[in-house]
Amino acid sequence: MLTLGNLLCGTVAAIVLLTQHNYELAFYLVVASAVCDFFDGFAARLLKQSSPLGVQLDSLADMVSFGVVPAVAMYCLYGDMPQICLMSESVAIILGFLTLIIAAFSALRLAKFNIDDTQHTEFCGLPTPANGLFCLSVAMLAADGEVAIAKEVVVAISVVMAFLLISNIRMFALKFKGFGWKGNELRYTFIAVCAILIAAFTKYAVPGIILLYIVISAIRHAIILSKK
């Protein structure tokens, strides 16, 4: 039920983006998807229940909520933003379709996750929920006029985030096998920082939190490699 809740929230988010360009509602729907995605795995581990069906269903739901929806959000945002460089209409259309690389690379990211046994405690590449939250939050802020970005920047963000999805950077996961401090120091610290940032900056905090997650993970990955 939690996994299907993730899927349904993502489906509605895609609909409101395509029909209304309602980025704020879509953002909160993706947040709801992320909550469902977190708690379905948490509940499975807590109850010690798992099945091949659950594994496949989780990836299918994630593909919609955190693969298709952010791609649609960036595509719609591309159409709504002004452009910096002069370009023909045909070039502008082709450039806009580059935002959909997020959907393609999210599928690749999820497929790799399903066959990689090393990603049970950490991730290889940016997790699709983190990418989804980043793209939707940026789209919401840009549509509200809170940040100024051009069409070209929308494409650049899409391409960079897409490549982060399939990168080899090992990123820590918020997966708790126990509630003790030992072994969860980074997770608890990160959650505490996130809570402070959200309390202080509300919706403006989300892109910063995701960027902070990427930077911390990259530093952690570099430290681990230097010790080998």
Protein backbone atom coordinates (compact mmCIF):
# COMPACT_ATOMS: atom_id res chain seq x y z
CA MET A 1 0.00 0.00 0.00
CA LEU A 2 2.84 2.39 0.79
CA THR A 3 4.59 1.62 -2.48
CA LEU A 4 1.38 2.08 -4.46
CA GLY A 5 0.81 5.33 -2.58
CA ASN A 6 4.20 6.45 -3.91
CA LEU A 7 3.13 5.54 -7.45
CA LEU A 8 -0.27 7.24 -7.24
CA CYS A 9 1.17 10.48 -5.84
CA GLY A 10 3.68 10.53 -8.67
CA THR A 11 0.99 9.90 -11.27
CA VAL A 12 -1.12 12.80 -10.00
CA ALA A 13 2.00 15.02 -9.93
CA ALA A 14 2.63 14.29 -13.61
CA ILE A 15 -0.98 15.14 -14.44
CA VAL A 16 -1.00 18.51 -12.63
CA LEU A 17 2.31 19.43 -14.27
CA LEU A 18 1.13 18.64 -17.79
CA THR A 19 -2.36 20.10 -17.44
CA GLN A 20 -1.86 23.02 -15.05
CA HIS A 21 1.90 23.62 -14.71
CA ASN A 22 1.20 23.60 -10.98
CA TYR A 23 4.75 23.11 -9.73
CA GLU A 24 3.96 23.68 -6.06
CA LEU A 25 1.28 20.98 -5.88
CA ALA A 26 3.52 18.64 -7.88
CA PHE A 27 6.38 19.29 -5.45
CA TYR A 28 4.29 18.37 -2.41
CA LEU A 29 2.98 15.27 -4.19
CA VAL A 30 6.57 14.18 -4.85
CA VAL A 31 7.36 14.85 -1.18
CA ALA A 32 4.45 12.53 -0.32
CA SER A 33 5.90 9.96 -2.75
CA ALA A 34 9.29 10.24 -1.03
CA VAL A 35 7.68 9.71 2.39
CA CYS A 36 5.92 6.59 1.12
CA ASP A 37 9.14 5.39 -0.51
CA PHE A 38 11.06 5.81 2.75
CA PHE A 39 8.50 4.12 4.94
CA ASP A 40 7.79 1.14 2.67
CA GLY A 41 11.42 0.06 2.97
CA PHE A 42 11.52 1.00 6.65
CA ALA A 43 8.37 -1.02 7.34
CA ALA A 44 9.74 -4.00 5.40
CA ARG A 45 12.95 -3.98 7.42
CA LEU A 46 11.12 -3.43 10.71
CA LEU A 47 8.68 -6.28 10.07
CA LYS A 48 11.37 -8.40 8.38
CA GLN A 49 9.14 -8.87 5.38
CA SER A 50 10.37 -8.78 1.79
CA SER A 51 9.47 -10.33 -1.53
CA PRO A 52 10.61 -10.17 -5.16
CA LEU A 53 7.26 -8.53 -5.98
CA GLY A 54 7.95 -5.72 -3.51
CA VAL A 55 11.40 -5.11 -4.96
CA GLN A 56 10.10 -4.80 -8.52
CA LEU A 57 7.05 -2.76 -7.54
CA ASP A 58 9.24 -0.31 -5.63
CA SER A 59 11.40 0.37 -8.69
CA LEU A 60 8.38 0.77 -10.96
CA ALA A 61 6.83 3.28 -8.57
CA ASP A 62 10.14 5.15 -8.25
CA MET A 63 10.46 5.34 -12.03
CA VAL A 64 7.19 7.24 -12.23
CA SER A 65 7.53 9.48 -9.16
CA PHE A 66 11.26 10.20 -9.33
CA GLY A 67 12.06 9.53 -12.98
CA VAL A 68 9.18 10.63 -15.18
CA VAL A 69 7.84 13.40 -12.92
CA PRO A 70 11.11 15.38 -12.55
CA ALA A 71 11.70 15.04 -16.30
CA VAL A 72 8.21 16.39 -16.98
CA ALA A 73 8.74 19.19 -14.44
CA MET A 74 11.97 20.33 -16.11
CA TYR A 75 10.41 20.04 -19.57
CA CYS A 76 7.45 22.20 -18.52
CA LEU A 77 9.76 24.66 -16.75
CA TYR A 78 11.88 24.92 -19.88
CA GLY A 79 8.82 26.10 -21.77
CA ASP A 80 7.91 28.64 -19.09
CA MET A 81 11.34 30.27 -18.67
CA PRO A 82 12.96 32.96 -20.87
CA GLN A 83 16.01 32.18 -22.98
CA ILE A 84 19.40 33.91 -22.99
CA CYS A 85 20.78 32.95 -26.39
CA LEU A 86 19.08 33.57 -29.71
CA MET A 87 18.03 30.29 -31.32
CA SER A 88 15.59 29.12 -33.93
CA GLU A 89 12.31 27.56 -32.89
CA SER A 90 13.40 24.11 -34.08
CA VAL A 91 16.64 24.30 -32.08
CA ALA A 92 14.71 25.46 -29.01
CA ILE A 93 12.34 22.49 -29.31
CA ILE A 94 15.20 20.00 -29.64
CA LEU A 95 17.05 21.59 -26.73
CA GLY A 96 13.92 21.30 -24.59
CA PHE A 97 13.75 17.56 -25.17
CA LEU A 98 17.18 17.21 -23.54
CA THR A 99 15.43 17.68 -20.19
CA LEU A 100 13.90 14.24 -20.69
CA ILE A 101 17.34 12.68 -20.25
CA ILE A 102 16.39 12.59 -16.56
CA ALA A 103 13.74 9.94 -17.27
CA ALA A 104 16.13 7.82 -19.35
CA PHE A 105 18.97 7.94 -16.84
CA SER A 106 16.60 7.35 -13.92
CA ALA A 107 15.55 4.09 -15.59
CA LEU A 108 19.21 3.14 -15.99
CA ARG A 109 19.91 4.11 -12.38
CA LEU A 110 17.05 1.96 -11.05
CA ALA A 111 17.98 -1.00 -13.26
CA LYS A 112 21.58 -0.86 -11.97
CA PHE A 113 20.30 -0.68 -8.40
CA ASN A 114 18.23 -3.84 -8.84
CA ILE A 115 21.20 -5.94 -9.91
CA ASP A 116 23.87 -4.39 -7.65
CA ASP A 117 24.22 -6.18 -4.32
CA THR A 118 26.56 -3.48 -2.98
CA GLN A 119 23.76 -0.91 -2.69
CA HIS A 120 21.96 -2.33 0.32
CA THR A 121 23.67 0.04 2.77
CA GLU A 122 24.72 2.87 0.43
CA PHE A 123 24.03 4.05 -3.11
CA CYS A 124 26.15 4.19 -6.24
CA GLY A 125 25.12 7.45 -7.86
CA LEU A 126 22.47 9.95 -6.83
CA PRO A 127 19.27 8.24 -5.59
CA THR A 128 16.26 8.99 -7.78
CA PRO A 129 14.16 10.39 -4.87
CA ALA A 130 16.87 12.98 -4.12
CA ASN A 131 16.98 13.97 -7.77
CA GLY A 132 13.20 14.17 -7.93
CA LEU A 133 12.97 16.44 -4.89
CA PHE A 134 15.75 18.67 -6.23
CA CYS A 135 14.19 19.12 -9.66
CA LEU A 136 10.67 19.73 -8.32
CA SER A 137 11.88 22.21 -5.70
CA VAL A 138 13.92 24.16 -8.26
CA ALA A 139 10.95 24.18 -10.65
CA MET A 140 8.60 25.40 -7.92
CA LEU A 141 10.92 28.21 -6.84
CA ALA A 142 11.61 29.28 -10.44
CA ALA A 143 7.92 29.27 -11.36
CA ASP A 144 7.16 31.41 -8.29
CA GLY A 145 9.84 33.91 -9.32
CA GLU A 146 11.93 33.11 -6.24
CA VAL A 147 14.94 32.22 -8.38
CA ALA A 148 15.74 33.45 -11.88
CA ILE A 149 16.86 30.82 -14.37
CA ALA A 150 16.80 30.68 -18.16
CA LYS A 151 15.91 27.86 -20.53
CA GLU A 152 19.59 27.05 -21.01
CA VAL A 153 20.10 26.70 -17.25
CA VAL A 154 17.11 24.34 -17.02
CA VAL A 155 18.74 22.10 -19.63
CA ALA A 156 22.12 22.30 -17.90
CA ILE A 157 20.60 21.31 -14.54
CA SER A 158 18.79 18.39 -16.19
CA VAL A 159 21.94 17.07 -17.85
CA VAL A 160 24.12 17.42 -14.72
CA MET A 161 21.55 15.74 -12.47
CA ALA A 162 21.06 12.96 -15.01
CA PHE A 163 24.78 12.16 -15.04
CA LEU A 164 24.91 12.26 -11.24
CA LEU A 165 22.25 9.53 -11.27
CA ILE A 166 24.58 7.12 -13.05
CA SER A 167 27.86 8.32 -11.53
CA ASN A 168 30.14 6.03 -9.53
CA ILE A 169 30.05 8.27 -6.44
CA ARG A 170 29.10 6.22 -3.40
CA MET A 171 26.37 8.09 -1.53
CA PHE A 172 25.21 7.32 2.00
CA ALA A 173 21.69 6.00 2.50
CA LEU A 174 19.19 6.92 5.20
CA LYS A 175 18.52 3.27 5.90
CA PHE A 176 18.41 2.45 9.60
CA LYS A 177 18.99 -1.14 10.68
CA GLY A 178 18.83 0.00 14.29
CA PHE A 179 18.13 3.20 16.19
CA GLY A 180 21.44 3.38 18.07
CA TRP A 181 23.91 6.21 17.54
CA LYS A 182 26.81 3.91 16.63
CA GLY A 183 26.85 3.29 12.93
CA ASN A 184 24.20 5.96 12.33
CA GLU A 185 26.27 9.04 13.23
CA LEU A 186 26.24 10.49 9.71
CA ARG A 187 22.54 9.76 9.21
CA TYR A 188 21.43 11.36 12.47
CA THR A 189 23.68 14.38 11.95
CA PHE A 190 22.42 14.89 8.41
CA ILE A 191 18.78 14.60 9.50
CA ALA A 192 19.37 17.13 12.29
CA VAL A 193 20.96 19.60 9.86
CA CYS A 194 18.07 19.09 7.44
CA ALA A 195 15.53 19.80 10.19
CA ILE A 196 17.34 23.03 11.11
CA LEU A 197 17.54 24.17 7.48
CA ILE A 198 13.86 23.42 6.84
CA ALA A 199 12.83 25.24 10.03
CA ALA A 200 14.90 28.26 9.02
CA PHE A 201 14.30 28.42 5.27
CA THR A 202 11.16 26.25 4.68
CA LYS A 203 10.79 25.41 0.98
CA TYR A 204 14.00 27.23 0.05
CA ALA A 205 15.99 24.66 2.01
CA VAL A 206 15.25 21.66 -0.23
CA PRO A 207 17.67 22.38 -3.11
CA GLY A 208 20.37 23.24 -0.58
CA ILE A 209 19.77 20.02 1.34
CA ILE A 210 20.12 17.91 -1.80
CA LEU A 211 23.29 19.77 -2.84
CA LEU A 212 24.66 19.30 0.69
CA TYR A 213 23.90 15.58 0.43
CA ILE A 214 25.80 15.38 -2.86
CA VAL A 215 28.80 17.31 -1.53
CA ILE A 216 29.03 15.29 1.71
CA SER A 217 28.74 12.04 -0.23
CA ALA A 218 31.41 13.12 -2.71
CA ILE A 219 33.80 14.06 0.10
CA ARG A 220 33.07 10.80 1.91
CA HIS A 221 33.65 8.86 -1.32
CA ALA A 222 36.97 10.64 -1.92
CA ILE A 223 38.14 9.91 1.64
CA ILE A 224 37.26 6.22 1.30
CA LEU A 225 39.14 5.99 -2.03
CA SER A 226 42.19 7.72 -0.54
CA LYS A 227 42.41 5.07 2.18
CA LYS A 228 42.48 2.19 -0.27
